[in-house]
Amino acid sequence: MTTKPKIAITMGDPSGIGPEVVLKALTSRPEVYDWCRPFVVGSLKATEHVTSHLPSGLKMTTVSSHEDVVGSHMNVEILNTDGYETESFPLGEHSVLSGVASHQWVETAATLARSGAIDAMVTAPINKESWKMAEMPDLGHQEVFKRLSGSDYVATMLVSGSLRCMHLSTHKPLRDAVDYVTTENVLMAVRLTEKHFRDWGFDPPRIAVAALNPHGSDNGLIGSEEAEEISPAVEAAKAEGITAFGPIPADSVFNQAIGGRYDVVVVMYHDQGHIPIKVHGFEESISVNLGIPWLRTSVDHGTAFDITGKWIADETSMIEAIKVAAALASGASLSA
């Protein structure tokens, strides 16, 4: 019998909806425990505001090590190696304490994943402003992973059903993101996408590369990046044996991908990929990191301070993130 993968789920910012969506995902869907052996990296104290909503008979226990995790339904195991069991986190607002705690929980899970002690990590949302208030060294998750892995390029792919968008860049102002569209960078993104998708069972992956300008620049009438930067990258990828297409106008490529023509779309900047994903299936959308030597998936929503403590947050994205992480950690094909 194959051992179910062990997956660490970070609690996210304890002032937001992270604790709620994590506990909802682990208690509302018993099959989660058929997929994997999950445990939470966080604080039992941070769940106090939601415990009255949890099912009767649920046990919440702390473990001192990932090695102690059993992974059984109705027993949520929480690993807390950084304290915070005597701290009260404010709800629905930015907090230095929440910023420090959520950063340490991400670092703990990522360190376990990097060492091979766990098979994957799944993250609930952190708040970048709280991290900045707490003077954390990283802007967000991606920067933590880049620092810990030593990778020169950590990328984000969003997934919602059959639509997958691999981002050339994410956390860049739009002016800087346009400057980042170079032949070298686009080719690097296509190569990275091809590598991961082959690992995930696509043989070969069909990679669409989105245009940057309206109408794909209309043969240079509306911008030059397609001819000068993107097309040379696509041609170089083809010369390496990669099944790449493009540049394809952004107003048509996503519908084509949803229809099955492509397995993934390499997009040029944050909103070019985020908007179609969230319109296509907001609740089901998740993110997956490419370019790090461990598996990480995440919810694709924020801390939602405005609804924290109201028990109305939707856990669908968290369930999908756990499901995809478990499938990939088990060697299942993402194309299935």
Protein backbone atom coordinates (compact mmCIF):
# COMPACT_ATOMS: atom_id res chain seq x y z
CA MET A 1 0.00 0.00 0.00
CA THR A 2 1.34 3.41 -0.96
CA THR A 3 1.87 5.76 1.97
CA LYS A 4 -0.32 8.83 1.73
CA PRO A 5 1.71 12.03 1.32
CA LYS A 6 2.29 14.15 4.39
CA ILE A 7 1.24 17.74 3.76
CA ALA A 8 1.80 20.81 5.91
CA ILE A 9 -0.92 23.46 5.72
CA THR A 10 0.07 26.88 6.96
CA MET A 11 -2.61 28.75 8.88
CA GLY A 12 -1.94 32.05 7.17
CA ASP A 13 -2.53 35.39 8.84
CA PRO A 14 -4.39 34.61 12.09
CA SER A 15 -6.15 37.97 11.89
CA GLY A 16 -7.78 36.90 8.63
CA ILE A 17 -9.83 33.98 7.33
CA GLY A 18 -6.91 31.55 7.14
CA PRO A 19 -7.74 29.58 10.30
CA GLU A 20 -11.40 29.38 9.22
CA VAL A 21 -10.82 28.04 5.70
CA VAL A 22 -8.18 25.57 6.90
CA LEU A 23 -10.44 24.10 9.58
CA LYS A 24 -13.47 24.06 7.29
CA ALA A 25 -11.48 22.18 4.64
CA LEU A 26 -10.23 19.61 7.13
CA THR A 27 -13.59 19.00 8.79
CA SER A 28 -16.16 19.36 6.01
CA ARG A 29 -14.58 16.92 3.55
CA PRO A 30 -13.59 13.55 5.08
CA GLU A 31 -12.00 12.51 1.77
CA VAL A 32 -9.17 14.98 2.42
CA TYR A 33 -7.77 12.34 4.75
CA ASP A 34 -8.04 9.75 2.00
CA TRP A 35 -5.84 11.94 -0.18
CA CYS A 36 -3.11 12.73 2.34
CA ARG A 37 -1.94 13.06 5.94
CA PRO A 38 -2.47 16.77 6.58
CA PHE A 39 -1.35 18.81 9.54
CA VAL A 40 -1.54 22.51 10.28
CA VAL A 41 1.43 24.76 10.94
CA GLY A 42 0.06 27.47 13.17
CA SER A 43 -1.36 28.04 16.61
CA LEU A 44 -4.22 26.43 18.49
CA LYS A 45 -4.79 29.81 20.12
CA ALA A 46 -5.45 31.34 16.70
CA THR A 47 -8.47 29.07 16.22
CA GLU A 48 -10.37 30.20 19.32
CA HIS A 49 -12.75 32.46 17.41
CA VAL A 50 -13.97 29.61 15.20
CA THR A 51 -14.12 26.66 17.58
CA SER A 52 -17.79 27.22 18.41
CA HIS A 53 -18.65 26.57 14.74
CA LEU A 54 -16.71 23.33 14.43
CA PRO A 55 -18.39 19.90 14.41
CA SER A 56 -19.01 18.16 17.69
CA GLY A 57 -16.58 15.35 18.31
CA LEU A 58 -13.72 17.16 16.63
CA LYS A 59 -10.37 16.90 18.36
CA MET A 60 -7.68 19.51 17.91
CA THR A 61 -4.31 18.41 19.18
CA THR A 62 -0.82 19.86 19.09
CA VAL A 63 2.16 17.88 17.89
CA SER A 64 5.76 18.70 18.71
CA SER A 65 7.14 17.31 15.47
CA HIS A 66 5.99 16.51 11.96
CA GLU A 67 7.04 12.93 12.72
CA ASP A 68 4.18 12.66 15.23
CA VAL A 69 1.47 13.38 12.64
CA VAL A 70 -1.03 10.54 12.19
CA GLY A 71 -3.54 12.12 9.82
CA SER A 72 -7.02 10.96 10.80
CA HIS A 73 -10.36 12.62 10.16
CA MET A 74 -11.84 14.66 13.00
CA ASN A 75 -8.44 15.05 14.63
CA VAL A 76 -6.80 18.24 13.43
CA GLU A 77 -3.12 18.16 14.33
CA ILE A 78 -1.37 21.50 14.77
CA LEU A 79 2.40 21.93 14.76
CA ASN A 80 3.54 25.04 16.59
CA THR A 81 7.30 25.34 16.91
CA ASP A 82 7.31 29.10 17.46
CA GLY A 83 5.07 29.68 20.49
CA TYR A 84 2.05 31.99 20.17
CA GLU A 85 -0.18 29.81 22.33
CA THR A 86 -0.52 32.57 24.92
CA GLU A 87 -0.98 35.40 22.43
CA SER A 88 -4.32 36.89 21.39
CA PHE A 89 -4.45 37.85 17.74
CA PRO A 90 -6.67 40.78 16.72
CA LEU A 91 -9.35 39.94 14.18
CA GLY A 92 -9.92 41.74 10.91
CA GLU A 93 -7.02 44.17 11.06
CA HIS A 94 -3.33 44.46 10.31
CA SER A 95 -1.11 43.36 13.13
CA VAL A 96 2.62 43.14 13.75
CA LEU A 97 2.04 40.02 15.84
CA SER A 98 0.05 38.32 13.09
CA GLY A 99 2.67 39.33 10.54
CA VAL A 100 5.50 37.81 12.56
CA ALA A 101 3.58 34.61 13.35
CA SER A 102 2.35 33.99 9.81
CA HIS A 103 5.83 34.58 8.41
CA GLN A 104 7.37 32.09 10.84
CA TRP A 105 4.73 29.47 10.00
CA VAL A 106 5.52 29.79 6.28
CA GLU A 107 9.23 29.53 7.00
CA THR A 108 8.68 26.44 9.17
CA ALA A 109 6.63 24.62 6.52
CA ALA A 110 8.99 25.61 3.70
CA THR A 111 12.00 24.42 5.67
CA LEU A 112 10.33 21.04 6.25
CA ALA A 113 9.48 20.81 2.56
CA ARG A 114 12.97 21.81 1.47
CA SER A 115 14.51 19.10 3.65
CA GLY A 116 12.18 16.42 2.31
CA ALA A 117 10.59 15.86 5.71
CA ILE A 118 7.15 16.42 4.17
CA ASP A 119 5.83 15.81 0.68
CA ALA A 120 4.19 19.17 0.02
CA MET A 121 3.01 22.39 1.61
CA VAL A 122 -0.27 24.24 1.16
CA THR A 123 -0.64 27.84 2.23
CA ALA A 124 -3.53 29.89 3.55
CA PRO A 125 -3.36 33.64 2.79
CA ILE A 126 -0.88 35.95 4.46
CA ASN A 127 -1.13 39.73 4.50
CA LYS A 128 1.75 41.57 2.87
CA GLU A 129 1.01 44.81 4.72
CA SER A 130 1.23 43.01 8.05
CA TRP A 131 4.53 41.46 7.01
CA LYS A 132 5.80 44.92 6.12
CA MET A 133 4.58 46.34 9.45
CA ALA A 134 6.43 43.54 11.21
CA GLU A 135 9.57 44.31 9.19
CA MET A 136 9.77 40.84 7.73
CA PRO A 137 12.55 40.32 5.15
CA ASP A 138 10.17 39.05 2.45
CA LEU A 139 7.36 40.70 0.50
CA GLY A 140 5.29 37.51 0.28
CA HIS A 141 5.36 33.73 -0.06
CA GLN A 142 7.22 33.74 -3.34
CA GLU A 143 10.09 35.75 -1.93
CA VAL A 144 10.42 33.34 1.03
CA PHE A 145 10.70 30.40 -1.34
CA LYS A 146 13.21 32.17 -3.55
CA ARG A 147 15.40 32.96 -0.56
CA LEU A 148 15.23 29.48 0.97
CA SER A 149 15.70 27.63 -2.31
CA GLY A 150 18.36 29.88 -3.78
CA SER A 151 16.37 29.85 -7.02
CA ASP A 152 16.88 32.70 -9.46
CA TYR A 153 13.33 32.39 -10.74
CA VAL A 154 10.29 31.34 -8.72
CA ALA A 155 7.11 31.64 -10.73
CA THR A 156 3.39 31.40 -9.99
CA MET A 157 0.87 29.40 -11.97
CA LEU A 158 -2.84 29.81 -11.33
CA VAL A 159 -5.19 26.90 -11.96
CA SER A 160 -8.97 26.81 -12.27
CA GLY A 161 -10.30 23.66 -13.85
CA SER A 162 -8.79 23.25 -17.31
CA LEU A 163 -7.41 26.80 -17.42
CA ARG A 164 -3.81 27.17 -16.26
CA CYS A 165 -1.89 30.44 -16.39
CA MET A 166 1.85 30.51 -15.77
CA HIS A 167 2.97 34.06 -14.97
CA LEU A 168 6.13 35.53 -16.40
CA SER A 169 6.01 38.01 -13.52
CA THR A 170 3.65 38.73 -10.65
CA HIS A 171 4.74 41.21 -7.99
CA LYS A 172 5.93 43.94 -10.30
CA PRO A 173 4.37 47.33 -11.05
CA LEU A 174 2.91 47.24 -14.55
CA ARG A 175 5.60 49.60 -15.92
CA ASP A 176 8.31 47.24 -14.66
CA ALA A 177 6.41 44.14 -15.80
CA VAL A 178 6.41 45.41 -19.40
CA ASP A 179 10.18 45.93 -19.26
CA TYR A 180 10.52 42.35 -17.97
CA VAL A 181 9.09 40.98 -21.23
CA THR A 182 12.39 40.07 -22.89
CA THR A 183 13.33 37.14 -25.10
CA GLU A 184 15.55 35.73 -22.36
CA ASN A 185 12.85 35.95 -19.68
CA VAL A 186 10.04 34.57 -21.86
CA LEU A 187 12.20 31.64 -22.96
CA MET A 188 13.14 30.95 -19.34
CA ALA A 189 9.45 30.85 -18.40
CA VAL A 190 8.54 28.54 -21.27
CA ARG A 191 11.40 26.16 -20.41
CA LEU A 192 10.39 26.07 -16.75
CA THR A 193 6.76 25.43 -17.69
CA GLU A 194 7.70 22.61 -20.03
CA LYS A 195 9.85 20.92 -17.38
CA HIS A 196 7.17 20.97 -14.69
CA PHE A 197 4.35 19.93 -17.01
CA ARG A 198 6.33 16.93 -18.23
CA ASP A 199 6.85 15.98 -14.59
CA TRP A 200 3.08 16.25 -14.14
CA GLY A 201 2.26 13.85 -16.96
CA PHE A 202 1.90 16.03 -20.05
CA ASP A 203 3.75 14.48 -22.98
CA PRO A 204 4.31 16.88 -24.57
CA PRO A 205 2.71 19.91 -22.94
CA ARG A 206 1.09 22.36 -25.35
CA ILE A 207 2.26 25.77 -24.22
CA ALA A 208 0.55 28.92 -25.47
CA VAL A 209 2.43 32.19 -25.04
CA ALA A 210 0.19 35.24 -24.69
CA ALA A 211 0.89 38.48 -26.52
CA LEU A 212 1.53 41.61 -24.50
CA ASN A 213 -0.12 44.25 -26.68
CA PRO A 214 -3.70 44.48 -28.00
CA HIS A 215 -4.35 42.21 -31.00
CA GLY A 216 -0.85 40.80 -30.66
CA SER A 217 0.42 44.23 -31.81
CA ASP A 218 -1.30 44.03 -35.23
CA ASN A 219 2.02 43.35 -36.97
CA GLY A 220 3.77 46.15 -35.15
CA LEU A 221 1.07 48.80 -35.38
CA ILE A 222 0.43 48.59 -31.62
CA GLY A 223 3.77 47.94 -29.98
CA SER A 224 6.93 46.05 -30.84
CA GLU A 225 7.39 43.52 -28.04
CA GLU A 226 5.74 40.68 -29.95
CA ALA A 227 8.16 40.88 -32.87
CA GLU A 228 11.26 41.87 -30.91
CA GLU A 229 10.96 39.79 -27.74
CA ILE A 230 8.14 37.24 -27.59
CA SER A 231 8.27 35.69 -31.07
CA PRO A 232 12.04 35.04 -30.88
CA ALA A 233 11.52 33.28 -27.54
CA VAL A 234 8.76 31.07 -28.97
CA GLU A 235 10.89 30.18 -31.99
CA ALA A 236 13.86 29.36 -29.77
CA ALA A 237 11.64 27.13 -27.64
CA LYS A 238 10.40 25.32 -30.74
CA ALA A 239 13.99 24.78 -31.86
CA GLU A 240 14.59 23.02 -28.53
CA GLY A 241 11.69 20.66 -29.18
CA ILE A 242 9.17 22.43 -26.97
CA THR A 243 5.58 22.49 -28.25
CA ALA A 244 5.04 26.23 -27.98
CA PHE A 245 2.62 28.52 -29.77
CA GLY A 246 2.42 32.28 -30.01
CA PRO A 247 2.40 35.06 -29.35
CA ILE A 248 -1.39 34.69 -29.24
CA PRO A 249 -3.62 37.74 -28.56
CA ALA A 250 -4.78 37.76 -24.95
CA ASP A 251 -8.40 38.34 -25.94
CA SER A 252 -8.58 34.88 -27.53
CA VAL A 253 -5.93 32.63 -25.97
CA PHE A 254 -7.78 31.91 -22.71
CA ASN A 255 -10.98 30.79 -24.40
CA GLN A 256 -8.89 28.52 -26.62
CA ALA A 257 -7.15 27.05 -23.58
CA ILE A 258 -10.44 26.42 -21.80
CA GLY A 259 -11.61 24.67 -24.96
CA GLY A 260 -8.66 22.27 -24.77
CA ARG A 261 -6.36 23.62 -27.47
CA TYR A 262 -3.54 24.35 -24.97
CA ASP A 263 -2.51 22.84 -21.64
CA VAL A 264 -1.18 26.07 -20.18
CA VAL A 265 -0.86 29.74 -21.09
CA VAL A 266 2.31 31.68 -20.29
CA VAL A 267 1.06 35.17 -19.49
CA MET A 268 3.13 38.34 -19.44
CA TYR A 269 2.08 39.97 -16.16
CA HIS A 270 -0.05 39.57 -13.04
CA ASP A 271 -3.50 40.75 -14.12
CA GLN A 272 -3.27 39.20 -17.58
CA GLY A 273 -3.46 35.79 -15.89
CA HIS A 274 -5.33 36.51 -12.69
CA ILE A 275 -8.39 38.09 -14.32
CA PRO A 276 -9.31 35.20 -16.65
CA ILE A 277 -8.65 32.62 -13.93
CA LYS A 278 -10.89 34.37 -11.44
CA VAL A 279 -13.64 35.01 -13.95
CA HIS A 280 -13.49 31.38 -15.12
CA GLY A 281 -13.75 29.91 -11.61
CA PHE A 282 -12.97 32.14 -8.66
CA GLU A 283 -13.84 29.72 -5.86
CA GLU A 284 -11.94 26.79 -7.38
CA SER A 285 -8.81 28.72 -8.35
CA ILE A 286 -5.50 27.88 -6.71
CA SER A 287 -1.84 28.69 -7.28
CA VAL A 288 1.15 26.41 -7.76
CA ASN A 289 4.77 27.51 -7.61
CA LEU A 290 7.24 26.60 -10.33
CA GLY A 291 10.99 26.91 -9.94
CA ILE A 292 11.43 25.61 -6.40
CA PRO A 293 12.62 22.09 -5.48
CA TRP A 294 9.52 21.26 -3.46
CA LEU A 295 5.78 21.23 -4.03
CA ARG A 296 3.68 24.18 -2.90
CA THR A 297 0.08 25.00 -3.68
CA SER A 298 -2.04 27.77 -2.25
CA VAL A 299 -5.46 29.29 -2.09
CA ASP A 300 -5.98 32.07 -4.59
CA HIS A 301 -7.59 34.66 -2.32
CA GLY A 302 -6.57 37.08 0.37
CA THR A 303 -7.03 37.45 4.10
CA ALA A 304 -10.52 39.01 3.76
CA PHE A 305 -10.39 41.03 6.98
CA ASP A 306 -13.91 42.32 6.27
CA ILE A 307 -15.49 38.90 6.86
CA THR A 308 -13.10 37.50 9.47
CA GLY A 309 -14.94 35.91 12.37
CA LYS A 310 -18.29 35.70 10.55
CA TRP A 311 -17.92 32.04 9.49
CA ILE A 312 -18.90 32.80 5.91
CA ALA A 313 -15.54 32.32 4.18
CA ASP A 314 -15.58 29.79 1.33
CA GLU A 315 -13.16 26.89 1.79
CA THR A 316 -13.39 25.59 -1.80
CA SER A 317 -10.02 27.00 -2.87
CA MET A 318 -8.30 25.45 0.16
CA ILE A 319 -9.83 22.05 -0.59
CA GLU A 320 -8.69 22.31 -4.21
CA ALA A 321 -5.19 23.33 -3.12
CA ILE A 322 -4.92 20.30 -0.83
CA LYS A 323 -6.33 18.03 -3.52
CA VAL A 324 -3.86 19.16 -6.18
CA ALA A 325 -0.92 19.01 -3.76
CA ALA A 326 -1.87 15.48 -2.73
CA ALA A 327 -2.30 14.35 -6.33
CA LEU A 328 1.04 15.75 -7.46
CA ALA A 329 2.85 14.47 -4.35
CA SER A 330 1.43 11.01 -5.05
CA GLY A 331 2.69 11.10 -8.62
CA ALA A 332 -0.75 11.45 -10.16
CA SER A 333 -0.93 13.19 -13.51
CA LEU A 334 -2.25 16.73 -13.51
CA SER A 335 -3.58 15.99 -16.97
CA ALA A 336 -5.90 13.27 -15.73
